[in-house]
Amino acid sequence: MFWFPLALSGAISQAIYSLSIKVLLRKTPPFFLAGYTFLAASLIFFPVILVTGIPPLGPGLVPALAVTVTINCVATVLYYRALSTTDLSLCVPFLAFTPVFLILTSFIILGEIPSPAGAAGIFLVTAGAFLHTRSGRSACLGAPIQAFLHDPGIRSMFLVAFLYSISVNYDKEVVMNSSPLFSCGIFLFVMAVVFLLIARLTRTKETSAAMDPGAPDPARSRPQFTRSPFFMYGAVGMVLAVEGISINIAYTVAIVPYVITVKRLSLFFSVLFGGLLLHEQQIRGRMFGALVMIAGAVVIGLWG
């Protein structure tokens, strides 16, 4: 059970990260935002690594790192696109499909098989995602399909969920071939370099408005960061650092599907933040789906 509070910490951190990115995308070019926040997060780890020393590095580190960085770069672009066009409380819950994809991908890549109770918890979490997509007072099994067909942000997030189901297995390989601290630092630094290079090469001036110029702004009184870019990127980087180290340590004591399923409790917190801070609508129906996901996480934590 030691891994459970670590994964829960990663869930809360990811929800805060999603909220921060959605707010910042309104005024910040996405490639620069990704590059500088990843860089800020990586710099948090480097002083610790210098003190503790570089751990023994396994032969599988570089191949696993290359695969997960490639997949995560694509996933990050899609993730940002979804957050810029769709409600936080609506699109983020579709990440609950990652644990379902993980049942297959973890077996193929790592040979990990969840217990029957763990599998039941995974599917319970995913069932909560269906309830998230209820419209108004009505809900039906076809709601996720309708949302998928009509909302490009949801389609992007669904693809992100699939990409994550592949990349998290290689994330664990990076951890097992180094250490939780070192793997976080090197992964975030390489991600930062890639996105900053893309930003400079394309000289992007894209903003969230350009990504979706017709998107309505449902509320003007939204949470805002200070104008200082150092504080802005540093704060988001700190959140990323907490998420990364929590999840990476959890990987060392539990199998990937369990850790990622608990991490998907970030969906509950995202719905909560969307309602309280962004004033998004239909929160009650989406919150009910989040409670179902929590029940699935409890099944995994107690009996998985």
Protein backbone atom coordinates (compact mmCIF):
# COMPACT_ATOMS: atom_id res chain seq x y z
CA MET A 1 0.00 0.00 0.00
CA PHE A 2 3.05 2.30 0.17
CA TRP A 3 2.61 3.07 -3.51
CA PHE A 4 -1.01 4.21 -3.14
CA PRO A 5 -0.42 7.62 -1.47
CA LEU A 6 2.43 8.25 -3.93
CA ALA A 7 0.16 7.62 -6.89
CA LEU A 8 -2.53 9.78 -5.28
CA SER A 9 -0.02 12.62 -4.92
CA GLY A 10 0.73 12.24 -8.62
CA ALA A 11 -3.00 12.44 -9.36
CA ILE A 12 -3.46 15.72 -7.48
CA SER A 13 -0.36 17.17 -9.10
CA GLN A 14 -1.54 16.24 -12.58
CA ALA A 15 -4.92 17.92 -11.99
CA ILE A 16 -3.19 21.12 -10.89
CA TYR A 17 -0.91 20.88 -13.94
CA SER A 18 -3.89 20.50 -16.30
CA LEU A 19 -5.63 23.49 -14.73
CA SER A 20 -2.47 25.60 -14.99
CA ILE A 21 -1.87 24.67 -18.62
CA LYS A 22 -5.47 25.43 -19.61
CA VAL A 23 -5.19 28.91 -18.08
CA LEU A 24 -1.72 29.63 -19.50
CA LEU A 25 -2.57 28.51 -23.02
CA ARG A 26 -4.77 31.58 -23.40
CA LYS A 27 -1.72 33.84 -23.58
CA THR A 28 1.31 31.60 -24.05
CA PRO A 29 2.45 29.81 -27.27
CA PRO A 30 2.08 26.06 -26.60
CA PHE A 31 5.56 24.92 -27.68
CA PHE A 32 7.29 27.52 -25.53
CA LEU A 33 4.94 26.75 -22.64
CA ALA A 34 5.76 23.04 -22.84
CA GLY A 35 9.50 23.63 -23.27
CA TYR A 36 9.97 26.08 -20.42
CA THR A 37 7.77 24.21 -17.93
CA PHE A 38 9.58 20.94 -18.66
CA LEU A 39 12.91 22.75 -18.31
CA ALA A 40 11.91 24.30 -14.99
CA ALA A 41 10.82 20.90 -13.70
CA SER A 42 14.07 19.22 -14.78
CA LEU A 43 16.23 21.88 -13.09
CA ILE A 44 14.59 21.01 -9.77
CA PHE A 45 16.04 17.50 -9.98
CA PHE A 46 19.57 18.30 -11.10
CA PRO A 47 20.88 19.71 -7.77
CA VAL A 48 19.60 16.60 -5.98
CA ILE A 49 21.23 14.35 -8.57
CA LEU A 50 24.54 16.21 -8.16
CA VAL A 51 24.40 15.61 -4.40
CA THR A 52 23.29 11.97 -4.51
CA GLY A 53 25.34 11.10 -7.57
CA ILE A 54 24.41 9.53 -10.90
CA PRO A 55 23.05 6.01 -10.31
CA PRO A 56 24.25 2.94 -12.22
CA LEU A 57 22.72 3.14 -15.67
CA GLY A 58 21.32 0.05 -17.34
CA PRO A 59 21.68 -0.78 -21.04
CA GLY A 60 17.95 -0.29 -21.61
CA LEU A 61 17.96 3.36 -20.49
CA VAL A 62 18.62 5.11 -23.81
CA PRO A 63 16.23 3.01 -25.96
CA ALA A 64 13.42 3.32 -23.40
CA LEU A 65 14.04 7.05 -23.00
CA ALA A 66 13.98 7.60 -26.76
CA VAL A 67 10.66 5.76 -27.12
CA THR A 68 8.89 7.48 -24.24
CA VAL A 69 10.10 10.97 -25.22
CA THR A 70 8.89 10.46 -28.79
CA ILE A 71 5.46 9.25 -27.68
CA ASN A 72 5.11 11.90 -24.99
CA CYS A 73 5.98 14.73 -27.39
CA VAL A 74 3.06 13.74 -29.61
CA ALA A 75 0.82 13.20 -26.60
CA THR A 76 1.71 16.61 -25.15
CA VAL A 77 0.76 18.41 -28.37
CA LEU A 78 -2.59 16.61 -28.42
CA TYR A 79 -3.07 17.20 -24.69
CA TYR A 80 -2.56 20.94 -25.06
CA ARG A 81 -4.87 21.05 -28.07
CA ALA A 82 -7.63 19.31 -26.12
CA LEU A 83 -7.26 21.65 -23.13
CA SER A 84 -7.39 24.72 -25.38
CA THR A 85 -10.65 23.73 -27.07
CA THR A 86 -12.70 21.76 -24.52
CA ASP A 87 -13.81 22.08 -20.89
CA LEU A 88 -11.26 20.79 -18.41
CA SER A 89 -13.93 18.73 -16.64
CA LEU A 90 -15.09 17.16 -19.92
CA CYS A 91 -11.93 16.25 -21.85
CA VAL A 92 -9.59 15.18 -19.04
CA PRO A 93 -11.87 12.31 -17.87
CA PHE A 94 -11.20 10.50 -21.15
CA LEU A 95 -7.73 9.73 -19.82
CA ALA A 96 -9.53 7.07 -17.76
CA PHE A 97 -9.26 4.84 -20.82
CA THR A 98 -5.50 4.56 -20.30
CA PRO A 99 -5.79 1.78 -17.65
CA VAL A 100 -7.98 -0.26 -19.99
CA PHE A 101 -5.44 0.04 -22.81
CA LEU A 102 -2.76 -0.79 -20.23
CA ILE A 103 -4.20 -4.25 -19.59
CA LEU A 104 -3.06 -5.14 -23.11
CA THR A 105 0.07 -3.00 -23.48
CA SER A 106 1.58 -3.88 -20.09
CA PHE A 107 1.11 -7.58 -20.78
CA ILE A 108 2.81 -7.28 -24.19
CA ILE A 109 5.64 -4.95 -23.12
CA LEU A 110 6.30 -5.88 -19.48
CA GLY A 111 4.46 -9.17 -18.98
CA GLU A 112 2.46 -7.68 -16.08
CA ILE A 113 -1.00 -9.08 -15.35
CA PRO A 114 -3.40 -7.50 -12.81
CA SER A 115 -5.35 -9.71 -10.40
CA PRO A 116 -9.11 -10.21 -10.94
CA ALA A 117 -9.87 -7.57 -8.28
CA GLY A 118 -7.39 -5.20 -9.86
CA ALA A 119 -8.92 -5.71 -13.29
CA ALA A 120 -12.38 -5.08 -11.84
CA GLY A 121 -11.11 -1.81 -10.36
CA ILE A 122 -9.65 -0.77 -13.70
CA PHE A 123 -12.94 -1.33 -15.49
CA LEU A 124 -14.86 0.42 -12.72
CA VAL A 125 -12.67 3.49 -13.20
CA THR A 126 -13.36 3.38 -16.92
CA ALA A 127 -17.12 3.06 -16.34
CA GLY A 128 -16.92 6.35 -14.46
CA ALA A 129 -15.66 7.99 -17.64
CA PHE A 130 -18.92 7.06 -19.37
CA LEU A 131 -20.90 8.75 -16.61
CA HIS A 132 -18.71 11.84 -16.98
CA THR A 133 -20.12 12.51 -20.41
CA ARG A 134 -23.76 12.73 -19.37
CA SER A 135 -25.52 15.70 -20.92
CA GLY A 136 -27.73 17.77 -18.65
CA ARG A 137 -30.03 15.45 -16.71
CA SER A 138 -29.90 12.61 -19.19
CA ALA A 139 -27.28 9.95 -19.51
CA CYS A 140 -26.92 7.05 -21.93
CA LEU A 141 -24.31 4.51 -22.90
CA GLY A 142 -23.89 6.28 -26.22
CA ALA A 143 -22.91 9.58 -24.62
CA PRO A 144 -19.13 8.98 -24.88
CA ILE A 145 -19.53 8.03 -28.55
CA GLN A 146 -21.54 11.16 -29.28
CA ALA A 147 -18.98 13.30 -27.45
CA PHE A 148 -16.17 11.59 -29.36
CA LEU A 149 -17.79 12.28 -32.72
CA HIS A 150 -18.66 15.93 -32.09
CA ASP A 151 -15.80 17.25 -29.95
CA PRO A 152 -12.25 17.34 -31.43
CA GLY A 153 -10.81 17.98 -27.96
CA ILE A 154 -12.24 14.70 -26.68
CA ARG A 155 -10.90 12.85 -29.72
CA SER A 156 -7.46 14.30 -29.03
CA MET A 157 -7.61 13.29 -25.35
CA PHE A 158 -8.77 9.78 -26.25
CA LEU A 159 -5.71 9.39 -28.46
CA VAL A 160 -3.57 10.78 -25.62
CA ALA A 161 -4.96 8.04 -23.36
CA PHE A 162 -3.85 5.39 -25.86
CA LEU A 163 -0.39 6.93 -26.29
CA TYR A 164 0.06 7.07 -22.50
CA SER A 165 -0.84 3.40 -22.23
CA ILE A 166 2.26 2.68 -24.32
CA SER A 167 4.63 5.30 -22.95
CA VAL A 168 4.13 4.55 -19.24
CA ASN A 169 5.59 1.08 -19.74
CA TYR A 170 8.77 2.64 -21.11
CA ASP A 171 8.66 5.20 -18.30
CA LYS A 172 9.00 2.29 -15.90
CA GLU A 173 11.85 0.86 -17.98
CA VAL A 174 13.69 4.19 -17.67
CA VAL A 175 13.19 4.09 -13.89
CA MET A 176 14.37 0.48 -13.60
CA ASN A 177 17.51 1.29 -15.65
CA SER A 178 18.44 4.30 -13.51
CA SER A 179 16.57 5.66 -10.46
CA PRO A 180 13.31 7.54 -9.80
CA LEU A 181 15.10 10.89 -9.37
CA PHE A 182 17.47 10.55 -12.30
CA SER A 183 14.78 9.26 -14.65
CA CYS A 184 12.54 12.24 -13.87
CA GLY A 185 15.32 14.74 -14.40
CA ILE A 186 16.62 13.31 -17.67
CA PHE A 187 13.16 12.72 -19.13
CA LEU A 188 11.95 16.25 -18.40
CA PHE A 189 15.19 17.78 -19.67
CA VAL A 190 15.06 15.93 -23.00
CA MET A 191 11.38 16.85 -23.39
CA ALA A 192 12.29 20.50 -22.74
CA VAL A 193 15.07 20.46 -25.34
CA VAL A 194 12.79 18.93 -27.97
CA PHE A 195 9.96 21.44 -27.46
CA LEU A 196 12.26 24.47 -27.27
CA LEU A 197 13.94 23.38 -30.49
CA ILE A 198 10.56 22.99 -32.18
CA ALA A 199 9.47 26.40 -30.87
CA ARG A 200 12.61 28.08 -32.16
CA LEU A 201 12.64 26.29 -35.52
CA THR A 202 9.00 27.04 -36.24
CA ARG A 203 9.20 30.46 -34.58
CA THR A 204 5.70 29.76 -33.38
CA LYS A 205 3.55 32.68 -32.35
CA GLU A 206 0.55 30.48 -31.83
CA THR A 207 -1.69 31.29 -28.86
CA SER A 208 -4.69 29.49 -27.46
CA ALA A 209 -6.90 31.95 -29.34
CA ALA A 210 -5.21 31.03 -32.60
CA MET A 211 -5.67 27.34 -31.84
CA ASP A 212 -9.41 27.92 -31.54
CA PRO A 213 -10.40 31.48 -32.46
CA GLY A 214 -14.10 30.70 -32.23
CA ALA A 215 -14.00 29.15 -28.76
CA PRO A 216 -16.22 31.01 -26.29
CA ASP A 217 -14.84 32.42 -23.07
CA PRO A 218 -17.51 31.37 -20.55
CA ALA A 219 -16.06 33.35 -17.66
CA ARG A 220 -13.75 36.32 -17.35
CA SER A 221 -13.03 35.84 -13.67
CA ARG A 222 -10.55 33.03 -14.07
CA PRO A 223 -7.49 32.29 -11.90
CA GLN A 224 -4.42 34.12 -13.20
CA PHE A 225 -0.70 33.70 -12.61
CA THR A 226 1.68 36.54 -11.90
CA ARG A 227 3.13 38.24 -14.96
CA SER A 228 6.63 37.09 -14.08
CA PRO A 229 7.54 34.27 -16.49
CA PHE A 230 10.08 32.89 -14.01
CA PHE A 231 7.40 32.41 -11.37
CA MET A 232 4.92 31.07 -13.92
CA TYR A 233 7.18 28.40 -15.42
CA GLY A 234 8.77 27.63 -12.06
CA ALA A 235 5.43 27.04 -10.37
CA VAL A 236 4.19 24.70 -13.08
CA GLY A 237 7.59 23.02 -13.17
CA MET A 238 7.38 22.35 -9.44
CA VAL A 239 4.01 20.67 -9.92
CA LEU A 240 5.46 18.52 -12.72
CA ALA A 241 8.40 17.57 -10.52
CA VAL A 242 6.13 16.41 -7.68
CA GLU A 243 4.02 14.41 -10.11
CA GLY A 244 7.03 12.78 -11.73
CA ILE A 245 8.86 11.70 -8.59
CA SER A 246 5.68 10.42 -6.92
CA ILE A 247 4.72 8.26 -9.87
CA ASN A 248 8.24 7.02 -10.57
CA ILE A 249 8.74 5.82 -6.99
CA ALA A 250 5.33 4.13 -7.13
CA TYR A 251 6.47 2.28 -10.29
CA THR A 252 9.20 0.59 -8.26
CA VAL A 253 6.76 -1.07 -5.83
CA ALA A 254 3.61 -1.72 -7.90
CA ILE A 255 2.73 -2.76 -11.43
CA VAL A 256 2.01 -0.07 -14.00
CA PRO A 257 -1.78 -0.60 -14.45
CA TYR A 258 -2.42 -0.10 -10.72
CA VAL A 259 -0.28 3.02 -10.43
CA ILE A 260 -1.77 4.67 -13.50
CA THR A 261 -5.32 3.79 -12.48
CA VAL A 262 -4.90 5.56 -9.14
CA LYS A 263 -3.18 8.42 -10.91
CA ARG A 264 -6.35 8.80 -12.97
CA LEU A 265 -8.03 10.14 -9.83
CA SER A 266 -6.71 13.37 -11.26
CA LEU A 267 -9.94 13.25 -13.27
CA PHE A 268 -11.96 13.82 -10.10
CA PHE A 269 -9.82 16.77 -9.10
CA SER A 270 -9.96 18.18 -12.64
CA VAL A 271 -13.76 18.10 -12.54
CA LEU A 272 -13.66 19.79 -9.15
CA PHE A 273 -11.28 22.50 -10.37
CA GLY A 274 -13.31 22.97 -13.54
CA GLY A 275 -16.44 23.68 -11.54
CA LEU A 276 -15.00 25.72 -8.70
CA LEU A 277 -12.32 27.72 -10.50
CA LEU A 278 -13.30 27.77 -14.18
CA HIS A 279 -17.08 27.85 -13.63
CA GLU A 280 -17.74 25.02 -16.09
CA GLN A 281 -21.27 23.61 -16.39
CA GLN A 282 -22.83 20.18 -15.72
CA ILE A 283 -20.40 19.52 -12.89
CA ARG A 284 -22.81 17.39 -10.83
CA GLY A 285 -23.17 14.76 -13.54
CA ARG A 286 -19.45 14.72 -14.21
CA MET A 287 -18.73 14.51 -10.48
CA PHE A 288 -20.86 11.38 -10.17
CA GLY A 289 -18.69 9.72 -12.78
CA ALA A 290 -15.62 10.81 -10.83
CA LEU A 291 -16.98 9.10 -7.70
CA VAL A 292 -17.33 5.85 -9.63
CA MET A 293 -13.68 6.18 -10.62
CA ILE A 294 -12.72 6.69 -6.99
CA ALA A 295 -14.55 3.46 -6.12
CA GLY A 296 -12.44 1.66 -8.72
CA ALA A 297 -9.24 3.10 -7.28
CA VAL A 298 -10.26 1.95 -3.77
CA VAL A 299 -10.81 -1.60 -5.10
CA ILE A 300 -7.31 -1.56 -6.56
CA GLY A 301 -5.73 -0.05 -3.44
CA LEU A 302 -7.35 -2.51 -1.00
CA TRP A 303 -7.62 -5.74 -2.95
CA GLY A 304 -5.57 -5.29 -6.13
